Amino acid sequence: MIHEDMIDFATALPRHGALAGLDLGTKTIGVAVSDGMRQVASPITVIRRAKFTLDAQALLAVATDRVLVGLVLGLPRNMDGSEGPRAQATRAFARNLTRLTDLPIAYWDERLSTVAAERALLEGDTSRKRRAEVIDQVAAGYILQGALDRLRYIADRA
C-alpha cells in the first residue's frame, strides 16, 4: 500500500525492521537500507534500469535478502513544490510495485538530495569516476535518512 503521509506509513510499519530508500533515476535506481532499529541509512547498491519487471525483481530481491519491512521512494518535486514528469513516473513506479509486494511504500521529498550527496562526496575527496558510480546510492541514503529522522520524530511524539 502507498502512503502519502509519513504518519500513516509509520502506523503501517512493525515496531522494528529495516527500510529501504530508493532514488529512482531514468538510468539507475540508488538503494540504501537502514538497520533494524531504523537509526542509520547506509547506501548499498545501484541497480541499472532495464524495464520495470527486471527493476522490480532486483528491488524485491534486495527486500527479501535484507528482510525489509517498508520502502521509501524519493519523490522528485520541483523547487516550488509542484510535481513534474519525473514525480509522475515515480508515482507510476510505486503503483506498479504495489501489485508485486505487500510492503508499505512511502514518498519522501527528495529535493536537493543529489546536491547534498554530491557535496558530501566532494568533501570526502572522492574521484569524479567514483562519484559517478555511487552518487545515486548516496542520494538514496540521504532520502532514507530524512525519512528515518521523521519516523523517529513521529514515534517520540506518540
C-alpha atoms as a PDB file:
ATOM      1  CA  MET A   1       0.000   0.000   0.000  1.00  0.00           C
ATOM      2  CA  ILE A   2       1.193   3.508  -0.806  1.00  0.00           C
ATOM      3  CA  HIS A   3       1.141   6.072   1.998  1.00  0.00           C
ATOM      4  CA  GLU A   4       1.173   9.756   1.104  1.00  0.00           C
ATOM      5  CA  ASP A   5       1.576  10.736   4.755  1.00  0.00           C
ATOM      6  CA  MET A   6       4.513   9.643   6.927  1.00  0.00           C
ATOM      7  CA  ILE A   7       2.242   9.237   9.956  1.00  0.00           C
ATOM      8  CA  ASP A   8       0.123   6.716   8.041  1.00  0.00           C
ATOM      9  CA  PHE A   9       3.303   4.993   6.865  1.00  0.00           C
ATOM     10  CA  ALA A  10       4.585   4.815  10.453  1.00  0.00           C
ATOM     11  CA  THR A  11       1.390   3.130  11.631  1.00  0.00           C
ATOM     12  CA  ALA A  12       1.628   0.570   8.797  1.00  0.00           C
ATOM     13  CA  LEU A  13       5.126  -0.497   9.863  1.00  0.00           C
ATOM     14  CA  PRO A  14       6.023  -3.037  12.524  1.00  0.00           C
ATOM     15  CA  ARG A  15       7.844  -1.609  15.536  1.00  0.00           C
ATOM     16  CA  HIS A  16      11.244  -2.768  14.257  1.00  0.00           C
ATOM     17  CA  GLY A  17      12.664  -3.784  10.920  1.00  0.00           C
ATOM     18  CA  ALA A  18      14.813  -2.363   8.172  1.00  0.00           C
ATOM     19  CA  LEU A  19      13.579   0.022   5.482  1.00  0.00           C
ATOM     20  CA  ALA A  20      14.969   0.784   2.035  1.00  0.00           C
ATOM     21  CA  GLY A  21      15.324   4.201   0.474  1.00  0.00           C
ATOM     22  CA  LEU A  22      15.189   4.451  -3.308  1.00  0.00           C
ATOM     23  CA  ASP A  23      16.430   7.183  -5.604  1.00  0.00           C
ATOM     24  CA  LEU A  24      14.677   6.447  -8.900  1.00  0.00           C
ATOM     25  CA  GLY A  25      16.505   7.828 -11.887  1.00  0.00           C
ATOM     26  CA  THR A  26      15.930   7.268 -15.580  1.00  0.00           C
ATOM     27  CA  LYS A  27      19.036   5.055 -15.894  1.00  0.00           C
ATOM     28  CA  THR A  28      19.620   3.800 -12.355  1.00  0.00           C
ATOM     29  CA  ILE A  29      17.970   3.189  -9.002  1.00  0.00           C
ATOM     30  CA  GLY A  30      20.061   4.080  -5.981  1.00  0.00           C
ATOM     31  CA  VAL A  31      19.345   1.841  -2.990  1.00  0.00           C
ATOM     32  CA  ALA A  32      20.062   2.435   0.687  1.00  0.00           C
ATOM     33  CA  VAL A  33      18.908   0.396   3.664  1.00  0.00           C
ATOM     34  CA  SER A  34      18.529   1.076   7.359  1.00  0.00           C
ATOM     35  CA  ASP A  35      19.420  -1.023  10.337  1.00  0.00           C
ATOM     36  CA  GLY A  36      16.577  -2.869  12.076  1.00  0.00           C
ATOM     37  CA  MET A  37      16.182  -0.131  14.692  1.00  0.00           C
ATOM     38  CA  ARG A  38      15.867   2.463  11.902  1.00  0.00           C
ATOM     39  CA  GLN A  39      18.614   4.716  13.150  1.00  0.00           C
ATOM     40  CA  VAL A  40      21.078   4.881  10.249  1.00  0.00           C
ATOM     41  CA  ALA A  41      20.726   4.724   6.476  1.00  0.00           C
ATOM     42  CA  SER A  42      23.535   3.037   4.545  1.00  0.00           C
ATOM     43  CA  PRO A  43      23.925   3.220   0.765  1.00  0.00           C
ATOM     44  CA  ILE A  44      24.300  -0.321  -0.605  1.00  0.00           C
ATOM     45  CA  THR A  45      23.941  -0.538  -4.376  1.00  0.00           C
ATOM     46  CA  VAL A  46      22.857   0.911  -7.686  1.00  0.00           C
ATOM     47  CA  ILE A  47      20.507  -1.028  -9.929  1.00  0.00           C
ATOM     48  CA  ARG A  48      20.885  -0.341 -13.647  1.00  0.00           C
ATOM     49  CA  ARG A  49      17.415   0.271 -15.061  1.00  0.00           C
ATOM     50  CA  ALA A  50      16.221  -2.059 -17.807  1.00  0.00           C
ATOM     51  CA  LYS A  51      12.459  -2.464 -17.814  1.00  0.00           C
ATOM     52  CA  PHE A  52      10.023  -2.365 -14.932  1.00  0.00           C
ATOM     53  CA  THR A  53       9.767  -6.130 -14.456  1.00  0.00           C
ATOM     54  CA  LEU A  54      13.538  -6.554 -14.139  1.00  0.00           C
ATOM     55  CA  ASP A  55      13.895  -3.454 -11.976  1.00  0.00           C
ATOM     56  CA  ALA A  56      11.159  -4.687  -9.634  1.00  0.00           C
ATOM     57  CA  GLN A  57      12.706  -8.161  -9.437  1.00  0.00           C
ATOM     58  CA  ALA A  58      16.049  -6.661  -8.429  1.00  0.00           C
ATOM     59  CA  LEU A  59      14.426  -4.436  -5.793  1.00  0.00           C
ATOM     60  CA  LEU A  60      12.317  -7.234  -4.370  1.00  0.00           C
ATOM     61  CA  ALA A  61      15.399  -9.473  -4.210  1.00  0.00           C
ATOM     62  CA  VAL A  62      17.083  -6.802  -2.050  1.00  0.00           C
ATOM     63  CA  ALA A  63      13.914  -6.589   0.062  1.00  0.00           C
ATOM     64  CA  THR A  64      13.929 -10.341   0.618  1.00  0.00           C
ATOM     65  CA  ASP A  65      17.687 -10.596   1.275  1.00  0.00           C
ATOM     66  CA  ARG A  66      17.625  -7.703   3.754  1.00  0.00           C
ATOM     67  CA  VAL A  67      14.255  -8.686   5.321  1.00  0.00           C
ATOM     68  CA  LEU A  68      12.856  -5.212   4.675  1.00  0.00           C
ATOM     69  CA  VAL A  69       9.543  -4.088   6.164  1.00  0.00           C
ATOM     70  CA  GLY A  70       8.948  -0.982   4.024  1.00  0.00           C
ATOM     71  CA  LEU A  71      10.152   1.171   1.129  1.00  0.00           C
ATOM     72  CA  VAL A  72      10.707   4.915   0.911  1.00  0.00           C
ATOM     73  CA  LEU A  73      10.779   6.347  -2.604  1.00  0.00           C
ATOM     74  CA  GLY A  74      12.322   9.720  -3.238  1.00  0.00           C
ATOM     75  CA  LEU A  75       9.692  11.944  -4.850  1.00  0.00           C
ATOM     76  CA  PRO A  76      11.386  14.467  -7.152  1.00  0.00           C
ATOM     77  CA  ARG A  77       9.361  17.620  -6.646  1.00  0.00           C
ATOM     78  CA  ASN A  78      10.206  20.884  -8.363  1.00  0.00           C
ATOM     79  CA  MET A  79      11.735  23.606  -6.204  1.00  0.00           C
ATOM     80  CA  ASP A  80       8.325  25.316  -5.967  1.00  0.00           C
ATOM     81  CA  GLY A  81       6.795  22.086  -4.584  1.00  0.00           C
ATOM     82  CA  SER A  82       4.925  21.159  -7.748  1.00  0.00           C
ATOM     83  CA  GLU A  83       5.265  17.773  -9.392  1.00  0.00           C
ATOM     84  CA  GLY A  84       6.551  17.300 -12.907  1.00  0.00           C
ATOM     85  CA  PRO A  85       7.020  14.309 -15.200  1.00  0.00           C
ATOM     86  CA  ARG A  86       9.692  12.656 -13.017  1.00  0.00           C
ATOM     87  CA  ALA A  87       7.399  12.749  -9.975  1.00  0.00           C
ATOM     88  CA  GLN A  88       4.600  11.250 -12.060  1.00  0.00           C
ATOM     89  CA  ALA A  89       6.966   8.493 -13.218  1.00  0.00           C
ATOM     90  CA  THR A  90       7.894   7.772  -9.582  1.00  0.00           C
ATOM     91  CA  ARG A  91       4.225   7.532  -8.615  1.00  0.00           C
ATOM     92  CA  ALA A  92       3.581   5.165 -11.543  1.00  0.00           C
ATOM     93  CA  PHE A  93       6.549   3.021 -10.482  1.00  0.00           C
ATOM     94  CA  ALA A  94       5.141   2.822  -6.932  1.00  0.00           C
ATOM     95  CA  ARG A  95       1.654   1.886  -8.198  1.00  0.00           C
ATOM     96  CA  ASN A  96       3.116  -0.889 -10.340  1.00  0.00           C
ATOM     97  CA  LEU A  97       5.300  -2.104  -7.474  1.00  0.00           C
ATOM     98  CA  THR A  98       2.295  -2.441  -5.145  1.00  0.00           C
ATOM     99  CA  ARG A  99       0.968  -5.116  -7.489  1.00  0.00           C
ATOM    100  CA  LEU A 100       4.059  -7.213  -6.726  1.00  0.00           C
ATOM    101  CA  THR A 101       4.587  -6.668  -2.995  1.00  0.00           C
ATOM    102  CA  ASP A 102       2.652  -6.038   0.203  1.00  0.00           C
ATOM    103  CA  LEU A 103       5.432  -3.875   1.635  1.00  0.00           C
ATOM    104  CA  PRO A 104       4.195  -0.431   2.668  1.00  0.00           C
ATOM    105  CA  ILE A 105       5.557   2.326   0.431  1.00  0.00           C
ATOM    106  CA  ALA A 106       6.004   5.989   1.318  1.00  0.00           C
ATOM    107  CA  TYR A 107       7.248   9.015  -0.591  1.00  0.00           C
ATOM    108  CA  TRP A 108       9.918  11.366   0.688  1.00  0.00           C
ATOM    109  CA  ASP A 109      10.572  14.786  -0.842  1.00  0.00           C
ATOM    110  CA  GLU A 110      13.983  14.352  -2.414  1.00  0.00           C
ATOM    111  CA  ARG A 111      14.652  17.952  -3.403  1.00  0.00           C
ATOM    112  CA  LEU A 112      18.380  18.616  -3.194  1.00  0.00           C
ATOM    113  CA  SER A 113      19.261  15.064  -2.072  1.00  0.00           C
ATOM    114  CA  THR A 114      21.577  14.620  -5.064  1.00  0.00           C
ATOM    115  CA  VAL A 115      23.148  18.026  -4.385  1.00  0.00           C
ATOM    116  CA  ALA A 116      23.776  17.021  -0.752  1.00  0.00           C
ATOM    117  CA  ALA A 117      25.190  13.666  -1.847  1.00  0.00           C
ATOM    118  CA  GLU A 118      27.496  15.343  -4.371  1.00  0.00           C
ATOM    119  CA  ARG A 119      28.700  17.813  -1.735  1.00  0.00           C
ATOM    120  CA  ALA A 120      29.434  15.005   0.733  1.00  0.00           C
ATOM    121  CA  LEU A 121      31.370  13.041  -1.879  1.00  0.00           C
ATOM    122  CA  LEU A 122      33.366  16.132  -2.854  1.00  0.00           C
ATOM    123  CA  GLU A 123      34.179  16.829   0.795  1.00  0.00           C
ATOM    124  CA  GLY A 124      35.359  13.225   1.056  1.00  0.00           C
ATOM    125  CA  ASP A 125      37.716  13.886  -1.859  1.00  0.00           C
ATOM    126  CA  THR A 126      36.021  11.185  -3.940  1.00  0.00           C
ATOM    127  CA  SER A 127      37.272  10.943  -7.518  1.00  0.00           C
ATOM    128  CA  ARG A 128      34.983  12.021 -10.346  1.00  0.00           C
ATOM    129  CA  LYS A 129      34.746   8.432 -11.612  1.00  0.00           C
ATOM    130  CA  ARG A 130      33.847   7.054  -8.186  1.00  0.00           C
ATOM    131  CA  ARG A 131      31.304   9.863  -7.597  1.00  0.00           C
ATOM    132  CA  ALA A 132      29.526   8.889 -10.824  1.00  0.00           C
ATOM    133  CA  GLU A 133      29.401   5.268  -9.658  1.00  0.00           C
ATOM    134  CA  VAL A 134      27.950   5.925  -6.188  1.00  0.00           C
ATOM    135  CA  ILE A 135      26.029   9.214  -6.377  1.00  0.00           C
ATOM    136  CA  ASP A 136      22.611   7.552  -6.731  1.00  0.00           C
ATOM    137  CA  GLN A 137      23.051   5.220  -3.780  1.00  0.00           C
ATOM    138  CA  VAL A 138      24.396   8.068  -1.628  1.00  0.00           C
ATOM    139  CA  ALA A 139      21.360  10.172  -2.637  1.00  0.00           C
ATOM    140  CA  ALA A 140      19.158   7.206  -1.638  1.00  0.00           C
ATOM    141  CA  GLY A 141      20.912   7.298   1.728  1.00  0.00           C
ATOM    142  CA  TYR A 142      20.008  10.960   2.164  1.00  0.00           C
ATOM    143  CA  ILE A 143      16.390  10.225   1.213  1.00  0.00           C
ATOM    144  CA  LEU A 144      16.152   7.330   3.652  1.00  0.00           C
ATOM    145  CA  GLN A 145      17.898   9.172   6.491  1.00  0.00           C
ATOM    146  CA  GLY A 146      15.439  12.041   6.170  1.00  0.00           C
ATOM    147  CA  ALA A 147      12.538   9.604   6.380  1.00  0.00           C
ATOM    148  CA  LEU A 148      14.110   7.774   9.341  1.00  0.00           C
ATOM    149  CA  ASP A 149      14.548  11.056  11.211  1.00  0.00           C
ATOM    150  CA  ARG A 150      10.895  11.926  10.549  1.00  0.00           C
ATOM    151  CA  LEU A 151       9.710   8.492  11.680  1.00  0.00           C
ATOM    152  CA  ARG A 152      11.738   8.846  14.889  1.00  0.00           C
ATOM    153  CA  TYR A 153      10.148  12.270  15.493  1.00  0.00           C
ATOM    154  CA  ILE A 154       6.672  10.770  14.954  1.00  0.00           C
ATOM    155  CA  ALA A 155       7.434   7.940  17.392  1.00  0.00           C
ATOM    156  CA  ASP A 156       8.753  10.376  20.021  1.00  0.00           C
ATOM    157  CA  ARG A 157       5.562  12.456  19.770  1.00  0.00           C
ATOM    158  CA  ALA A 158       3.241   9.449  20.110  1.00  0.00           C
END
